Amino acid sequence: MPTRTSEATWEGALKNGKGSIKLGSGAYSGQYSFSSRFESGTGTNPEELIAAAHAGCFSMALSHGLAEAGFPPKRVHTVAKVHLEKSGHGFAIPRIDLETDADVPNISPQAFQEHAEKAKAGCPVSKVLAGAQITLTARLTGR
């Protein structure tokens, strides 16, 4: 299995510094700053990138689990919300909310919920982020 890489550079102090993030694949390269992380400034931030990784991993894991069980989905869409909060003298990510909706023919709502919970527990990104509470809201669409 391949090892994936990304890189980041930060220049200056926290509040007036600036940084850049680059994915190893070259698919994304962009800026980040204090204001893009802790306010609503332009650029990305580590939490947004974690959210993208988690949403992508969970969607793939759910799709795979459903297909393996004989319910290939037409579509799985997931939004991940990473909560960054003040904690003591620093910051923490105490919670990640996954919100998924999927078009899965011929599956019962109960079976869908079971597969969604299995995907949440089993996707590699959920496992690495297990220090945060991970919530899940899963909805079937296309009915």
C-alpha atoms as a PDB file:
ATOM      1  CA  MET A   1       0.000   0.000   0.000  1.00  0.00           C
ATOM      2  CA  PRO A   2       1.295   3.474  -0.793  1.00  0.00           C
ATOM      3  CA  THR A   3       2.297   6.045   1.812  1.00  0.00           C
ATOM      4  CA  ARG A   4       0.574   9.382   1.217  1.00  0.00           C
ATOM      5  CA  THR A   5       2.309  12.682   1.902  1.00  0.00           C
ATOM      6  CA  SER A   6       1.428  16.324   2.207  1.00  0.00           C
ATOM      7  CA  GLU A   7       3.477  19.275   3.378  1.00  0.00           C
ATOM      8  CA  ALA A   8       2.983  22.580   5.125  1.00  0.00           C
ATOM      9  CA  THR A   9       5.144  25.636   5.721  1.00  0.00           C
ATOM     10  CA  TRP A  10       4.447  28.345   8.307  1.00  0.00           C
ATOM     11  CA  GLU A  11       6.268  31.675   8.312  1.00  0.00           C
ATOM     12  CA  GLY A  12       6.095  34.117  11.220  1.00  0.00           C
ATOM     13  CA  ALA A  13       4.245  34.234  14.506  1.00  0.00           C
ATOM     14  CA  LEU A  14       0.797  32.730  14.998  1.00  0.00           C
ATOM     15  CA  LYS A  15      -1.427  35.788  14.544  1.00  0.00           C
ATOM     16  CA  ASN A  16       0.462  37.614  11.801  1.00  0.00           C
ATOM     17  CA  GLY A  17       2.135  34.678  10.094  1.00  0.00           C
ATOM     18  CA  LYS A  18       1.079  32.829   6.980  1.00  0.00           C
ATOM     19  CA  GLY A  19       1.328  29.329   5.683  1.00  0.00           C
ATOM     20  CA  SER A  20       0.958  27.113   2.676  1.00  0.00           C
ATOM     21  CA  ILE A  21      -0.256  23.547   2.363  1.00  0.00           C
ATOM     22  CA  LYS A  22       0.428  21.247  -0.564  1.00  0.00           C
ATOM     23  CA  LEU A  23      -0.880  17.751  -1.180  1.00  0.00           C
ATOM     24  CA  GLY A  24       1.708  15.256  -2.350  1.00  0.00           C
ATOM     25  CA  SER A  25      -0.398  14.376  -5.389  1.00  0.00           C
ATOM     26  CA  GLY A  26      -0.426  18.012  -6.486  1.00  0.00           C
ATOM     27  CA  ALA A  27      -4.242  18.004  -6.499  1.00  0.00           C
ATOM     28  CA  TYR A  28      -4.328  20.940  -4.068  1.00  0.00           C
ATOM     29  CA  SER A  29      -1.974  23.687  -3.022  1.00  0.00           C
ATOM     30  CA  GLY A  30      -3.150  26.669  -1.026  1.00  0.00           C
ATOM     31  CA  GLN A  31      -2.667  29.223   1.682  1.00  0.00           C
ATOM     32  CA  TYR A  32      -3.739  29.244   5.296  1.00  0.00           C
ATOM     33  CA  SER A  33      -3.503  31.786   8.088  1.00  0.00           C
ATOM     34  CA  PHE A  34      -4.664  32.590  11.596  1.00  0.00           C
ATOM     35  CA  SER A  35      -7.804  34.166  10.146  1.00  0.00           C
ATOM     36  CA  SER A  36      -8.592  31.177   7.875  1.00  0.00           C
ATOM     37  CA  ARG A  37      -8.268  28.844  10.845  1.00  0.00           C
ATOM     38  CA  PHE A  38      -9.759  30.726  13.780  1.00  0.00           C
ATOM     39  CA  GLU A  39     -11.990  33.266  12.008  1.00  0.00           C
ATOM     40  CA  SER A  40     -13.569  33.361   8.536  1.00  0.00           C
ATOM     41  CA  GLY A  41     -10.564  34.463   6.497  1.00  0.00           C
ATOM     42  CA  THR A  42      -9.607  33.397   3.006  1.00  0.00           C
ATOM     43  CA  GLY A  43      -7.742  30.126   2.606  1.00  0.00           C
ATOM     44  CA  THR A  44      -7.975  26.647   4.028  1.00  0.00           C
ATOM     45  CA  ASN A  45      -7.116  25.183   7.418  1.00  0.00           C
ATOM     46  CA  PRO A  46      -6.133  21.816   8.878  1.00  0.00           C
ATOM     47  CA  GLU A  47      -9.657  21.112  10.157  1.00  0.00           C
ATOM     48  CA  GLU A  48     -11.177  21.609   6.704  1.00  0.00           C
ATOM     49  CA  LEU A  49      -8.669  19.153   5.266  1.00  0.00           C
ATOM     50  CA  ILE A  50      -9.459  16.635   8.033  1.00  0.00           C
ATOM     51  CA  ALA A  51     -13.163  17.039   7.210  1.00  0.00           C
ATOM     52  CA  ALA A  52     -12.533  16.363   3.516  1.00  0.00           C
ATOM     53  CA  ALA A  53     -10.489  13.258   4.326  1.00  0.00           C
ATOM     54  CA  HIS A  54     -13.131  11.938   6.717  1.00  0.00           C
ATOM     55  CA  ALA A  55     -16.047  12.571   4.335  1.00  0.00           C
ATOM     56  CA  GLY A  56     -14.206  10.875   1.480  1.00  0.00           C
ATOM     57  CA  CYS A  57     -13.118   7.871   3.514  1.00  0.00           C
ATOM     58  CA  PHE A  58     -16.542   7.350   5.092  1.00  0.00           C
ATOM     59  CA  SER A  59     -18.349   7.624   1.727  1.00  0.00           C
ATOM     60  CA  MET A  60     -16.070   5.005   0.202  1.00  0.00           C
ATOM     61  CA  ALA A  61     -16.357   2.680   3.220  1.00  0.00           C
ATOM     62  CA  LEU A  62     -20.161   2.909   3.241  1.00  0.00           C
ATOM     63  CA  SER A  63     -20.372   2.335  -0.513  1.00  0.00           C
ATOM     64  CA  HIS A  64     -18.109  -0.706  -0.252  1.00  0.00           C
ATOM     65  CA  GLY A  65     -19.991  -2.216   2.682  1.00  0.00           C
ATOM     66  CA  LEU A  66     -23.340  -1.740   0.977  1.00  0.00           C
ATOM     67  CA  ALA A  67     -22.119  -3.262  -2.307  1.00  0.00           C
ATOM     68  CA  GLU A  68     -20.541  -6.234  -0.496  1.00  0.00           C
ATOM     69  CA  ALA A  69     -23.916  -6.881   1.181  1.00  0.00           C
ATOM     70  CA  GLY A  70     -25.711  -6.871  -2.184  1.00  0.00           C
ATOM     71  CA  PHE A  71     -26.964  -3.267  -2.086  1.00  0.00           C
ATOM     72  CA  PRO A  72     -24.754  -1.281  -4.488  1.00  0.00           C
ATOM     73  CA  PRO A  73     -25.545   2.394  -3.936  1.00  0.00           C
ATOM     74  CA  LYS A  74     -26.280   4.798  -6.755  1.00  0.00           C
ATOM     75  CA  ARG A  75     -24.799   7.642  -4.719  1.00  0.00           C
ATOM     76  CA  VAL A  76     -23.318   8.335  -1.275  1.00  0.00           C
ATOM     77  CA  HIS A  77     -22.802  11.964  -0.259  1.00  0.00           C
ATOM     78  CA  THR A  78     -21.213  12.892   3.069  1.00  0.00           C
ATOM     79  CA  VAL A  79     -20.531  16.176   4.842  1.00  0.00           C
ATOM     80  CA  ALA A  80     -18.064  16.096   7.744  1.00  0.00           C
ATOM     81  CA  LYS A  81     -18.098  18.938  10.269  1.00  0.00           C
ATOM     82  CA  VAL A  82     -14.919  19.183  12.354  1.00  0.00           C
ATOM     83  CA  HIS A  83     -15.389  21.223  15.534  1.00  0.00           C
ATOM     84  CA  LEU A  84     -12.316  23.153  16.716  1.00  0.00           C
ATOM     85  CA  GLU A  85     -12.771  24.480  20.248  1.00  0.00           C
ATOM     86  CA  LYS A  86     -10.743  26.264  22.905  1.00  0.00           C
ATOM     87  CA  SER A  87      -9.486  23.753  25.462  1.00  0.00           C
ATOM     88  CA  GLY A  88      -7.447  24.896  28.455  1.00  0.00           C
ATOM     89  CA  HIS A  89      -4.467  26.831  27.117  1.00  0.00           C
ATOM     90  CA  GLY A  90      -4.832  25.477  23.601  1.00  0.00           C
ATOM     91  CA  PHE A  91      -7.332  24.014  21.191  1.00  0.00           C
ATOM     92  CA  ALA A  92      -8.873  20.595  20.598  1.00  0.00           C
ATOM     93  CA  ILE A  93     -11.141  18.777  18.173  1.00  0.00           C
ATOM     94  CA  PRO A  94     -13.700  17.229  20.510  1.00  0.00           C
ATOM     95  CA  ARG A  95     -16.304  16.273  17.897  1.00  0.00           C
ATOM     96  CA  ILE A  96     -16.794  15.449  14.245  1.00  0.00           C
ATOM     97  CA  ASP A  97     -20.307  15.244  12.826  1.00  0.00           C
ATOM     98  CA  LEU A  98     -20.830  13.052   9.768  1.00  0.00           C
ATOM     99  CA  GLU A  99     -23.984  13.706   7.757  1.00  0.00           C
ATOM    100  CA  THR A 100     -24.575  11.316   4.899  1.00  0.00           C
ATOM    101  CA  ASP A 101     -27.362  10.728   2.455  1.00  0.00           C
ATOM    102  CA  ALA A 102     -27.374   7.833   0.051  1.00  0.00           C
ATOM    103  CA  ASP A 103     -29.503   6.500  -2.773  1.00  0.00           C
ATOM    104  CA  VAL A 104     -29.505   2.752  -2.176  1.00  0.00           C
ATOM    105  CA  PRO A 105     -32.164   0.700  -3.975  1.00  0.00           C
ATOM    106  CA  ASN A 106     -33.915  -2.178  -2.217  1.00  0.00           C
ATOM    107  CA  ILE A 107     -32.488  -1.687   1.282  1.00  0.00           C
ATOM    108  CA  SER A 108     -34.489  -1.247   4.464  1.00  0.00           C
ATOM    109  CA  PRO A 109     -33.865   1.848   6.573  1.00  0.00           C
ATOM    110  CA  GLN A 110     -32.703  -0.389   9.457  1.00  0.00           C
ATOM    111  CA  ALA A 111     -30.176  -2.252   7.287  1.00  0.00           C
ATOM    112  CA  PHE A 112     -28.928   1.062   5.886  1.00  0.00           C
ATOM    113  CA  GLN A 113     -28.390   2.454   9.401  1.00  0.00           C
ATOM    114  CA  GLU A 114     -26.467  -0.690  10.381  1.00  0.00           C
ATOM    115  CA  HIS A 115     -24.168  -0.360   7.367  1.00  0.00           C
ATOM    116  CA  ALA A 116     -23.654   3.360   8.043  1.00  0.00           C
ATOM    117  CA  GLU A 117     -22.630   2.648  11.655  1.00  0.00           C
ATOM    118  CA  LYS A 118     -20.233  -0.090  10.494  1.00  0.00           C
ATOM    119  CA  ALA A 119     -18.674   2.325   7.995  1.00  0.00           C
ATOM    120  CA  LYS A 120     -18.282   4.988  10.692  1.00  0.00           C
ATOM    121  CA  ALA A 121     -16.498   2.530  12.977  1.00  0.00           C
ATOM    122  CA  GLY A 122     -14.434   0.886  10.254  1.00  0.00           C
ATOM    123  CA  CYS A 123     -13.193   3.607   7.942  1.00  0.00           C
ATOM    124  CA  PRO A 124      -9.461   4.232   8.497  1.00  0.00           C
ATOM    125  CA  VAL A 125      -9.928   7.977   9.016  1.00  0.00           C
ATOM    126  CA  SER A 126     -12.559   7.374  11.731  1.00  0.00           C
ATOM    127  CA  LYS A 127     -10.112   5.042  13.431  1.00  0.00           C
ATOM    128  CA  VAL A 128      -7.274   7.573  13.440  1.00  0.00           C
ATOM    129  CA  LEU A 129      -9.633  10.294  14.705  1.00  0.00           C
ATOM    130  CA  ALA A 130     -11.084   8.127  17.488  1.00  0.00           C
ATOM    131  CA  GLY A 131      -9.994  10.649  20.129  1.00  0.00           C
ATOM    132  CA  ALA A 132     -12.904  12.850  19.025  1.00  0.00           C
ATOM    133  CA  GLN A 133     -16.574  11.984  19.446  1.00  0.00           C
ATOM    134  CA  ILE A 134     -17.847  11.097  15.978  1.00  0.00           C
ATOM    135  CA  THR A 135     -21.593  11.499  15.454  1.00  0.00           C
ATOM    136  CA  LEU A 136     -23.529  10.197  12.459  1.00  0.00           C
ATOM    137  CA  THR A 137     -26.779  11.227  10.801  1.00  0.00           C
ATOM    138  CA  ALA A 138     -27.594   8.925   7.876  1.00  0.00           C
ATOM    139  CA  ARG A 139     -30.533   9.371   5.492  1.00  0.00           C
ATOM    140  CA  LEU A 140     -31.746   7.312   2.563  1.00  0.00           C
ATOM    141  CA  THR A 141     -32.756   9.308  -0.520  1.00  0.00           C
ATOM    142  CA  GLY A 142     -34.321   8.432  -3.844  1.00  0.00           C
ATOM    143  CA  ARG A 143     -37.418   6.747  -2.385  1.00  0.00           C
END
